[in-house]
Structure formats: C-alpha cells, structure tokens
C-alpha atoms as a PDB file:
ATOM      1  CA  MET A   1     101.338  91.027  93.160  1.00  0.00           C
ATOM      2  CA  TYR A   2      97.715  91.945  93.705  1.00  0.00           C
ATOM      3  CA  TRP A   3      95.449  92.991  96.568  1.00  0.00           C
ATOM      4  CA  THR A   4      92.120  94.697  97.176  1.00  0.00           C
ATOM      5  CA  ASP A   5      91.409  96.974 100.124  1.00  0.00           C
ATOM      6  CA  GLU A   6      89.443 100.037 101.172  1.00  0.00           C
ATOM      7  CA  GLY A   7      91.054 103.308 102.129  1.00  0.00           C
ATOM      8  CA  TYR A   8      91.022 107.106 102.210  1.00  0.00           C
ATOM      9  CA  LEU A   9      92.710 109.389  99.719  1.00  0.00           C
ATOM     10  CA  LEU A  10      95.530 111.412 101.319  1.00  0.00           C
ATOM     11  CA  SER A  11      97.056 113.139  98.289  1.00  0.00           C
ATOM     12  CA  LYS A  12      97.171 113.230  94.507  1.00  0.00           C
ATOM     13  CA  ASN A  13      99.669 114.599  91.991  1.00  0.00           C
ATOM     14  CA  ASN A  14      99.681 114.705  88.216  1.00  0.00           C
ATOM     15  CA  PHE A  15     101.734 112.054  86.439  1.00  0.00           C
ATOM     16  CA  GLY A  16     102.170 112.402  82.716  1.00  0.00           C
ATOM     17  CA  GLU A  17      99.381 113.719  80.550  1.00  0.00           C
ATOM     18  CA  ASN A  18      96.394 111.823  81.893  1.00  0.00           C
ATOM     19  CA  SER A  19      97.457 109.971  85.037  1.00  0.00           C
ATOM     20  CA  ILE A  20      98.011 110.727  88.707  1.00  0.00           C
ATOM     21  CA  VAL A  21     100.039 109.400  91.612  1.00  0.00           C
ATOM     22  CA  ILE A  22      97.981 108.964  94.765  1.00  0.00           C
ATOM     23  CA  GLU A  23      98.758 108.286  98.402  1.00  0.00           C
ATOM     24  CA  THR A  24      96.131 106.365 100.322  1.00  0.00           C
ATOM     25  CA  PHE A  25      95.672 105.153 103.879  1.00  0.00           C
ATOM     26  CA  THR A  26      94.233 101.657 103.684  1.00  0.00           C
ATOM     27  CA  SER A  27      92.617  99.428 106.261  1.00  0.00           C
ATOM     28  CA  LYS A  28      94.785  96.307 105.849  1.00  0.00           C
ATOM     29  CA  HIS A  29      97.895  97.586 104.056  1.00  0.00           C
ATOM     30  CA  GLY A  30      98.689 100.930 105.685  1.00  0.00           C
ATOM     31  CA  LYS A  31      99.759 103.955 103.685  1.00  0.00           C
ATOM     32  CA  TYR A  32     100.294 103.042 100.038  1.00  0.00           C
ATOM     33  CA  THR A  33     101.366 104.972  96.945  1.00  0.00           C
ATOM     34  CA  GLY A  34     100.577 104.088  93.355  1.00  0.00           C
ATOM     35  CA  ILE A  35      99.736 105.328  89.877  1.00  0.00           C
ATOM     36  CA  VAL A  36      96.197 105.665  88.558  1.00  0.00           C
ATOM     37  CA  TYR A  37      96.231 105.612  84.777  1.00  0.00           C
ATOM     38  CA  GLY A  38      93.619 107.994  83.416  1.00  0.00           C
ATOM     39  CA  GLY A  39      93.046 109.421  86.905  1.00  0.00           C
ATOM     40  CA  SER A  40      93.024 113.016  85.703  1.00  0.00           C
ATOM     41  CA  SER A  41      90.368 112.370  83.050  1.00  0.00           C
ATOM     42  CA  ARG A  42      87.047 114.143  83.330  1.00  0.00           C
ATOM     43  CA  LYS A  43      85.311 110.846  84.019  1.00  0.00           C
ATOM     44  CA  GLN A  44      87.506 109.880  86.966  1.00  0.00           C
ATOM     45  CA  LYS A  45      88.596 113.252  88.318  1.00  0.00           C
ATOM     46  CA  ARG A  46      85.606 113.717  90.629  1.00  0.00           C
ATOM     47  CA  ASN A  47      86.508 110.539  92.512  1.00  0.00           C
ATOM     48  CA  PHE A  48      89.874 111.888  93.623  1.00  0.00           C
ATOM     49  CA  GLN A  49      88.919 114.440  96.256  1.00  0.00           C
ATOM     50  CA  ILE A  50      91.110 114.324  99.374  1.00  0.00           C
ATOM     51  CA  GLY A  51      89.299 112.442 102.136  1.00  0.00           C
ATOM     52  CA  ASN A  52      87.077 110.362  99.863  1.00  0.00           C
ATOM     53  CA  LYS A  53      86.710 106.689 100.770  1.00  0.00           C
ATOM     54  CA  ILE A  54      87.707 104.446  97.876  1.00  0.00           C
ATOM     55  CA  LEU A  55      87.994 100.776  96.981  1.00  0.00           C
ATOM     56  CA  LEU A  56      91.502 100.030  95.744  1.00  0.00           C
ATOM     57  CA  ASN A  57      92.787  97.252  93.522  1.00  0.00           C
ATOM     58  CA  TRP A  58      96.602  97.338  93.531  1.00  0.00           C
ATOM     59  CA  ARG A  59      98.888  95.538  91.104  1.00  0.00           C
ATOM     60  CA  SER A  60     102.644  95.391  90.756  1.00  0.00           C
ATOM     61  CA  LYS A  61     105.210  93.097  89.183  1.00  0.00           C
ATOM     62  CA  ASN A  62     107.182  93.188  92.401  1.00  0.00           C
ATOM     63  CA  GLU A  63     105.930  93.828  95.948  1.00  0.00           C
ATOM     64  CA  ASN A  64     108.823  96.208  96.630  1.00  0.00           C
ATOM     65  CA  LYS A  65     108.258  98.323  93.533  1.00  0.00           C
ATOM     66  CA  SER A  66     105.696 100.980  92.765  1.00  0.00           C
ATOM     67  CA  GLY A  67     102.459  99.616  91.393  1.00  0.00           C
ATOM     68  CA  TYR A  68      99.247 100.993  90.030  1.00  0.00           C
ATOM     69  CA  PHE A  69      95.695 101.284  91.295  1.00  0.00           C
ATOM     70  CA  ASN A  70      92.281 100.741  89.855  1.00  0.00           C
ATOM     71  CA  ILE A  71      89.793 102.471  92.118  1.00  0.00           C
ATOM     72  CA  GLU A  72      86.082 102.754  92.738  1.00  0.00           C
ATOM     73  CA  LEU A  73      84.448 105.468  94.808  1.00  0.00           C
ATOM     74  CA  MET A  74      82.902 104.033  97.969  1.00  0.00           C
ATOM     75  CA  LYS A  75      81.877 107.176  99.855  1.00  0.00           C
ATOM     76  CA  PRO A  76      82.277 110.805  98.762  1.00  0.00           C
ATOM     77  CA  ILE A  77      83.398 112.571 101.955  1.00  0.00           C
ATOM     78  CA  ALA A  78      84.916 115.802 100.635  1.00  0.00           C
ATOM     79  CA  PRO A  79      81.946 116.944  98.476  1.00  0.00           C
ATOM     80  CA  LEU A  80      79.678 116.953 101.528  1.00  0.00           C
ATOM     81  CA  TYR A  81      81.609 119.943 102.867  1.00  0.00           C
ATOM     82  CA  PHE A  82      82.536 121.927  99.757  1.00  0.00           C
ATOM     83  CA  ASP A  83      80.464 124.827 101.116  1.00  0.00           C
ATOM     84  CA  ASP A  84      81.999 124.596 104.604  1.00  0.00           C
ATOM     85  CA  LYS A  85      85.566 125.947 104.649  1.00  0.00           C
ATOM     86  CA  LYS A  86      86.358 124.884 108.210  1.00  0.00           C
ATOM     87  CA  ARG A  87      85.278 121.287 107.765  1.00  0.00           C
ATOM     88  CA  SER A  88      86.994 121.099 104.371  1.00  0.00           C
ATOM     89  CA  ILE A  89      90.250 122.334 105.877  1.00  0.00           C
ATOM     90  CA  CYS A  90      89.795 119.848 108.727  1.00  0.00           C
ATOM     91  CA  ILE A  91      89.727 116.972 106.219  1.00  0.00           C
ATOM     92  CA  LEU A  92      92.803 118.317 104.429  1.00  0.00           C
ATOM     93  CA  SER A  93      94.594 118.824 107.753  1.00  0.00           C
ATOM     94  CA  ALA A  94      94.003 115.229 108.860  1.00  0.00           C
ATOM     95  CA  ALA A  95      95.080 113.858 105.478  1.00  0.00           C
ATOM     96  CA  SER A  96      98.263 115.941 105.352  1.00  0.00           C
ATOM     97  CA  ILE A  97      99.258 114.975 108.906  1.00  0.00           C
ATOM     98  CA  LEU A  98      98.805 111.277 108.136  1.00  0.00           C
ATOM     99  CA  ARG A  99     100.700 111.698 104.898  1.00  0.00           C
ATOM    100  CA  ILE A 100     103.873 112.958 106.581  1.00  0.00           C
ATOM    101  CA  LEU A 101     103.744 110.921 109.801  1.00  0.00           C
ATOM    102  CA  LEU A 102     102.620 107.452 108.752  1.00  0.00           C
ATOM    103  CA  PRO A 103     105.361 105.082 107.606  1.00  0.00           C
ATOM    104  CA  GLU A 104     104.854 103.559 104.185  1.00  0.00           C
ATOM    105  CA  ARG A 105     103.108 100.163 104.129  1.00  0.00           C
ATOM    106  CA  GLN A 106     102.825  99.808 107.898  1.00  0.00           C
ATOM    107  CA  ILE A 107      99.408  98.639 109.078  1.00  0.00           C
ATOM    108  CA  ASN A 108      97.704 100.528 111.904  1.00  0.00           C
ATOM    109  CA  GLU A 109      94.058  99.567 112.205  1.00  0.00           C
ATOM    110  CA  LYS A 110      93.468 101.727 115.301  1.00  0.00           C
ATOM    111  CA  ILE A 111      94.506 104.868 113.453  1.00  0.00           C
ATOM    112  CA  TYR A 112      92.427 103.822 110.437  1.00  0.00           C
ATOM    113  CA  ILE A 113      89.317 103.208 112.554  1.00  0.00           C
ATOM    114  CA  SER A 114      89.795 106.505 114.386  1.00  0.00           C
ATOM    115  CA  LEU A 115      90.112 108.400 111.090  1.00  0.00           C
ATOM    116  CA  GLU A 116      86.957 106.759 109.762  1.00  0.00           C
ATOM    117  CA  LYS A 117      85.072 107.641 112.944  1.00  0.00           C
ATOM    118  CA  MET A 118      86.277 111.244 112.911  1.00  0.00           C
ATOM    119  CA  LEU A 119      85.261 111.747 109.267  1.00  0.00           C
ATOM    120  CA  ASP A 120      81.828 110.255 109.972  1.00  0.00           C
ATOM    121  CA  GLU A 121      81.379 112.636 112.916  1.00  0.00           C
ATOM    122  CA  LEU A 122      82.131 115.814 110.961  1.00  0.00           C
ATOM    123  CA  LYS A 123      78.368 116.201 110.554  1.00  0.00           C
ATOM    124  CA  PHE A 124      77.952 116.942 114.274  1.00  0.00           C
ATOM    125  CA  ASN A 125      78.079 120.427 115.785  1.00  0.00           C
ATOM    126  CA  ASP A 126      81.017 119.568 118.052  1.00  0.00           C
ATOM    127  CA  TRP A 127      83.104 118.253 115.147  1.00  0.00           C
ATOM    128  CA  ILE A 128      86.161 120.377 115.988  1.00  0.00           C
ATOM    129  CA  GLN A 129      86.349 118.904 119.491  1.00  0.00           C
ATOM    130  CA  LEU A 130      86.127 115.444 117.946  1.00  0.00           C
ATOM    131  CA  TYR A 131      88.945 116.359 115.568  1.00  0.00           C
ATOM    132  CA  ILE A 132      91.101 117.518 118.485  1.00  0.00           C
ATOM    133  CA  GLN A 133      90.445 114.216 120.253  1.00  0.00           C
ATOM    134  CA  TRP A 134      91.403 112.400 117.045  1.00  0.00           C
ATOM    135  CA  GLU A 135      94.757 114.179 116.961  1.00  0.00           C
ATOM    136  CA  LEU A 136      95.435 113.108 120.545  1.00  0.00           C
ATOM    137  CA  LEU A 137      94.610 109.494 119.702  1.00  0.00           C
ATOM    138  CA  LEU A 138      96.900 109.676 116.668  1.00  0.00           C
ATOM    139  CA  ILE A 139      99.715 111.044 118.841  1.00  0.00           C
ATOM    140  CA  LYS A 140      99.181 108.190 121.281  1.00  0.00           C
ATOM    141  CA  GLU A 141      99.219 105.527 118.569  1.00  0.00           C
ATOM    142  CA  LEU A 142     102.393 107.016 117.113  1.00  0.00           C
ATOM    143  CA  GLY A 143     104.115 106.470 120.431  1.00  0.00           C
ATOM    144  CA  TYR A 144     103.554 109.431 122.764  1.00  0.00           C
ATOM    145  CA  GLU A 145     100.898 109.173 125.454  1.00  0.00           C
ATOM    146  CA  ILE A 146      99.997 111.334 128.433  1.00  0.00           C
ATOM    147  CA  ASN A 147      97.035 110.994 130.764  1.00  0.00           C
ATOM    148  CA  LEU A 148      95.641 114.494 130.562  1.00  0.00           C
ATOM    149  CA  PHE A 149      92.810 113.868 132.996  1.00  0.00           C
ATOM    150  CA  ASN A 150      94.983 112.672 135.880  1.00  0.00           C
ATOM    151  CA  MET A 151      97.583 115.437 135.842  1.00  0.00           C
ATOM    152  CA  LYS A 152      97.049 117.875 138.718  1.00  0.00           C
ATOM    153  CA  ASN A 153      99.543 120.274 140.168  1.00  0.00           C
ATOM    154  CA  SER A 154     100.089 120.896 143.864  1.00  0.00           C
ATOM    155  CA  ASP A 155      97.507 123.653 144.250  1.00  0.00           C
ATOM    156  CA  GLU A 156      94.802 121.640 142.412  1.00  0.00           C
ATOM    157  CA  LYS A 157      94.319 124.245 139.678  1.00  0.00           C
ATOM    158  CA  THR A 158      93.458 123.208 136.147  1.00  0.00           C
ATOM    159  CA  ASN A 159      96.317 125.210 134.606  1.00  0.00           C
ATOM    160  CA  ASN A 160      98.645 122.218 134.486  1.00  0.00           C
ATOM    161  CA  PHE A 161     101.832 121.959 132.498  1.00  0.00           C
ATOM    162  CA  ILE A 162     103.770 119.155 130.921  1.00  0.00           C
ATOM    163  CA  GLU A 163     107.419 119.203 129.959  1.00  0.00           C
ATOM    164  CA  ILE A 164     108.666 118.021 126.587  1.00  0.00           C
ATOM    165  CA  ASN A 165     112.293 118.429 125.516  1.00  0.00           C
ATOM    166  CA  ASN A 166     112.889 120.752 128.481  1.00  0.00           C
ATOM    167  CA  LYS A 167     110.008 122.989 127.396  1.00  0.00           C
ATOM    168  CA  ALA A 168     106.877 123.570 129.477  1.00  0.00           C
ATOM    169  CA  PHE A 169     103.487 123.467 127.761  1.00  0.00           C
ATOM    170  CA  LYS A 170     100.216 124.414 129.370  1.00  0.00           C
ATOM    171  CA  ILE A 171      97.452 121.821 129.208  1.00  0.00           C
ATOM    172  CA  PRO A 172      94.230 123.532 128.027  1.00  0.00           C
ATOM    173  CA  LYS A 173      91.140 123.337 130.222  1.00  0.00           C
ATOM    174  CA  MET A 174      89.356 121.642 127.343  1.00  0.00           C
ATOM    175  CA  LEU A 175      91.787 118.726 127.590  1.00  0.00           C
ATOM    176  CA  SER A 176      92.325 118.602 131.351  1.00  0.00           C
ATOM    177  CA  ASN A 177      88.667 118.179 132.274  1.00  0.00           C
ATOM    178  CA  GLU A 178      86.527 115.446 130.726  1.00  0.00           C
ATOM    179  CA  ASP A 179      83.336 117.385 131.433  1.00  0.00           C
ATOM    180  CA  PHE A 180      84.568 120.727 130.113  1.00  0.00           C
ATOM    181  CA  LYS A 181      82.236 122.352 127.586  1.00  0.00           C
ATOM    182  CA  VAL A 182      83.725 124.592 124.906  1.00  0.00           C
ATOM    183  CA  ASN A 183      82.044 127.978 124.676  1.00  0.00           C
ATOM    184  CA  HIS A 184      84.636 130.158 122.941  1.00  0.00           C
ATOM    185  CA  ASN A 185      86.932 130.002 119.921  1.00  0.00           C
ATOM    186  CA  TYR A 186      89.998 130.782 122.039  1.00  0.00           C
ATOM    187  CA  GLU A 187      89.428 127.547 123.978  1.00  0.00           C
ATOM    188  CA  ILE A 188      89.498 125.585 120.722  1.00  0.00           C
ATOM    189  CA  LYS A 189      92.596 127.418 119.530  1.00  0.00           C
ATOM    190  CA  GLU A 190      94.321 126.744 122.851  1.00  0.00           C
ATOM    191  CA  ALA A 191      93.713 123.002 122.411  1.00  0.00           C
ATOM    192  CA  LEU A 192      94.830 123.079 118.763  1.00  0.00           C
ATOM    193  CA  ILE A 193      98.049 124.847 119.744  1.00  0.00           C
ATOM    194  CA  PHE A 194      98.692 122.284 122.482  1.00  0.00           C
ATOM    195  CA  ASN A 195      98.229 119.393 120.043  1.00  0.00           C
ATOM    196  CA  LYS A 196     100.431 121.175 117.512  1.00  0.00           C
ATOM    197  CA  ASN A 197     103.218 121.406 120.084  1.00  0.00           C
ATOM    198  CA  LEU A 198     102.928 117.689 120.806  1.00  0.00           C
ATOM    199  CA  LEU A 199     103.196 116.944 117.092  1.00  0.00           C
ATOM    200  CA  LEU A 200     106.114 119.318 116.600  1.00  0.00           C
ATOM    201  CA  GLU A 201     108.191 118.266 119.594  1.00  0.00           C
ATOM    202  CA  ASN A 202     107.674 114.512 119.291  1.00  0.00           C
ATOM    203  CA  PHE A 203     107.484 113.847 115.561  1.00  0.00           C
ATOM    204  CA  ILE A 204     107.818 116.757 113.153  1.00  0.00           C
ATOM    205  CA  LEU A 205     110.931 118.580 114.371  1.00  0.00           C
ATOM    206  CA  PRO A 206     112.946 115.439 115.289  1.00  0.00           C
ATOM    207  CA  ASN A 207     112.389 114.127 111.748  1.00  0.00           C
ATOM    208  CA  SER A 208     113.085 117.461 110.004  1.00  0.00           C
ATOM    209  CA  LEU A 209     109.528 117.692 108.701  1.00  0.00           C
ATOM    210  CA  LYS A 210     107.269 120.716 108.287  1.00  0.00           C
ATOM    211  CA  LEU A 211     103.903 121.301 109.882  1.00  0.00           C
ATOM    212  CA  PRO A 212     101.345 120.976 107.068  1.00  0.00           C
ATOM    213  CA  LEU A 213      99.894 124.213 105.752  1.00  0.00           C
ATOM    214  CA  TYR A 214      96.319 122.984 106.177  1.00  0.00           C
ATOM    215  CA  ARG A 215      96.942 122.336 109.874  1.00  0.00           C
ATOM    216  CA  LYS A 216      98.092 125.945 110.246  1.00  0.00           C
ATOM    217  CA  MET A 217      95.027 127.157 108.365  1.00  0.00           C
ATOM    218  CA  LEU A 218      92.679 125.190 110.618  1.00  0.00           C
ATOM    219  CA  GLU A 219      94.191 126.745 113.727  1.00  0.00           C
ATOM    220  CA  ASN A 220      93.984 130.233 112.223  1.00  0.00           C
ATOM    221  CA  TYR A 221      90.208 129.938 111.878  1.00  0.00           C
ATOM    222  CA  TYR A 222      89.910 130.212 115.662  1.00  0.00           C
ATOM    223  CA  THR A 223      90.831 133.505 117.308  1.00  0.00           C
END
C-alpha cells in the first residue's frame, strides 16, 4: 500500500536508536501514525518540529498494519515562533488536542482546513482570539454545536448560560457578541475556560481522557 499526502506533525517519539514514530493530521487520509527510519538523525531532526507542514509518502505491506513514512518539509511553522512562548504553546496545544480527539484514519477536511488557516493566522496580533474561534469550530465538527450569538436570557443581559450534563456554564462576552473587542487578559482566559469546559464535558471526560498539558499552559498565560 502506498499514498502521498500533505499534513501537519502532531507528535513524535523515539523508536529504536535512530528512528521515530510520528502522528500526523493529513488532508486526505486523516490522522495517521507511522515510523520514520532515521528520523532522529541530525540531518532530519530539524524537520520534525510539532506543527510543521510536511509532505508524506506512506508505505505498508497491509493497509491495516502500521507503515512507515518518508517525509519532506513543506513549511516550517514551529521555528517561526521559537522566541514567542505563547504562540509556541498555542501550536502545541492545538496539536495535542487533535492528537487525543481525532479518530485514527478518519478524514475531516473541514478540521484540516481550519487548522491550516489558524496556523497561518498566528502572525496576526489577534491570534489568540483566532485560536479560540478555531477550538469552537473543532468542537462543532466533532459533534457539539451551539449558536452563541443567538442565546439571550429573559432580561437581555449578555451574561448567558448554557447547560451541559446538568451543569451551568457562563458564556463569555467575547463569545456572545460578534462585535466584542478583547481588551484584557481576563476576557481571553474566560473564553479559554469556557472552551475547555466544552471539551471536557463533551469529549474528554466521557472518553476517560486527560486535558493536554499544553492546553493548560496556554490558559495559564492569561490572568
């Protein structure tokens, strides 16, 4: 079996003396795992930064068995932000969330396109708001959708609540008003906490998973 596709690196782990096992999120094949022989060598190591866009050539004797990759670097995303801790953690947060929530080998082009767009937009000043919007789109594509902009309570205040699993969660102003401009870190943290609760209640806790460490770190940057 053989295919070629583009994708983003989600994780890497050492395998033997000079090889690695990588998880990737590909455009036409979904999340895929495989071995890269020689991937930990000095020559190849720089290519395997989480978030980098890579061209993948996958081979296997059997479609249902683990295969191996030959890769080429298409776009170095991670190195652009090595000197920016927040953006670097943002990339790692997105990758770790996709790693635990995406089913293996299930295609989802909408999620792929949204990830690509979000990574391209990290260069903008409002990147964290764009990341928060990306999380909401991911949650929607995974099967849970709410219309945040049409939910108003009886007294027309913006402090709306939604109920999930018999728990009430406040909808942040940032997410309940399309024209709301973020001016303070606490407004960002409020939105990150709201998204975290959606992820926990709908996907992570029901499947006995753990919230990724990098997602916690990203939230902790905003106080």
